[in-house]
Amino acid sequence: MSKDVIAIVAIVSFVIWIAVSRETAKPSKEIKWPIMITLLSAGTLSALVLTISLFQSLPF
């Protein structure tokens, strides 16, 4: 992947994890679980993409 795509994925991942942290700061009765599951899934996927691209760019 190009560096521009990786940078965009990193920024989106950062925003997603900020949203997750804001959602978890709420009392448990106010947490919207479908949104939380969606954010966690998207955050995990974006972190996985960033990790894979990092390992592919390392010289072995």
Protein backbone atom coordinates (compact mmCIF):
# COMPACT_ATOMS: atom_id res chain seq x y z
CA MET A 1 0.00 0.00 0.00
CA SER A 2 1.11 3.53 -0.58
CA LYS A 3 2.17 5.78 2.25
CA ASP A 4 -0.81 8.07 1.66
CA VAL A 5 -3.28 5.22 2.16
CA ILE A 6 -1.49 4.12 5.32
CA ALA A 7 -1.57 7.68 6.66
CA ILE A 8 -5.31 7.94 6.02
CA VAL A 9 -5.94 4.57 7.69
CA ALA A 10 -3.85 5.68 10.68
CA ILE A 11 -5.84 8.91 11.07
CA VAL A 12 -9.16 7.08 10.75
CA SER A 13 -7.99 4.49 13.27
CA PHE A 14 -7.00 7.23 15.70
CA VAL A 15 -10.45 8.85 15.40
CA ILE A 16 -12.20 5.51 15.87
CA TRP A 17 -10.28 4.72 19.05
CA ILE A 18 -11.03 8.20 20.43
CA ALA A 19 -14.73 7.50 19.81
CA VAL A 20 -14.39 4.14 21.59
CA SER A 21 -12.76 5.78 24.60
CA ARG A 22 -15.50 8.41 24.78
CA GLU A 23 -18.17 5.73 24.62
CA THR A 24 -16.53 3.71 27.40
CA ALA A 25 -16.34 6.79 29.63
CA LYS A 26 -20.13 6.84 29.85
CA PRO A 27 -22.00 5.01 32.62
CA SER A 28 -22.83 1.46 31.58
CA LYS A 29 -26.57 2.17 31.29
CA GLU A 30 -25.90 4.92 28.71
CA ILE A 31 -23.54 2.93 26.47
CA LYS A 32 -25.05 2.17 23.08
CA TRP A 33 -23.85 -1.41 22.58
CA PRO A 34 -24.46 -1.70 18.81
CA ILE A 35 -22.36 1.43 18.27
CA MET A 36 -19.71 0.15 20.66
CA ILE A 37 -19.44 -3.20 18.89
CA THR A 38 -19.22 -1.47 15.51
CA LEU A 39 -16.52 0.92 16.70
CA LEU A 40 -14.51 -1.88 18.31
CA SER A 41 -14.72 -3.98 15.15
CA ALA A 42 -13.66 -1.09 12.92
CA GLY A 43 -10.85 -0.14 15.29
CA THR A 44 -9.55 -3.68 15.46
CA LEU A 45 -9.66 -4.04 11.69
CA SER A 46 -7.83 -0.76 11.12
CA ALA A 47 -5.20 -1.67 13.72
CA LEU A 48 -4.74 -5.04 12.00
CA VAL A 49 -4.26 -3.34 8.61
CA LEU A 50 -1.68 -0.98 10.11
CA THR A 51 0.17 -3.83 11.82
CA ILE A 52 0.30 -5.94 8.65
CA SER A 53 1.54 -3.00 6.58
CA LEU A 54 4.20 -2.28 9.20
CA PHE A 55 5.51 -5.84 9.14
CA GLN A 56 5.49 -5.90 5.34
CA SER A 57 7.67 -2.79 5.23
CA LEU A 58 10.30 -4.23 7.60
CA PRO A 59 13.42 -5.63 5.93
CA PHE A 60 14.15 -9.20 6.98
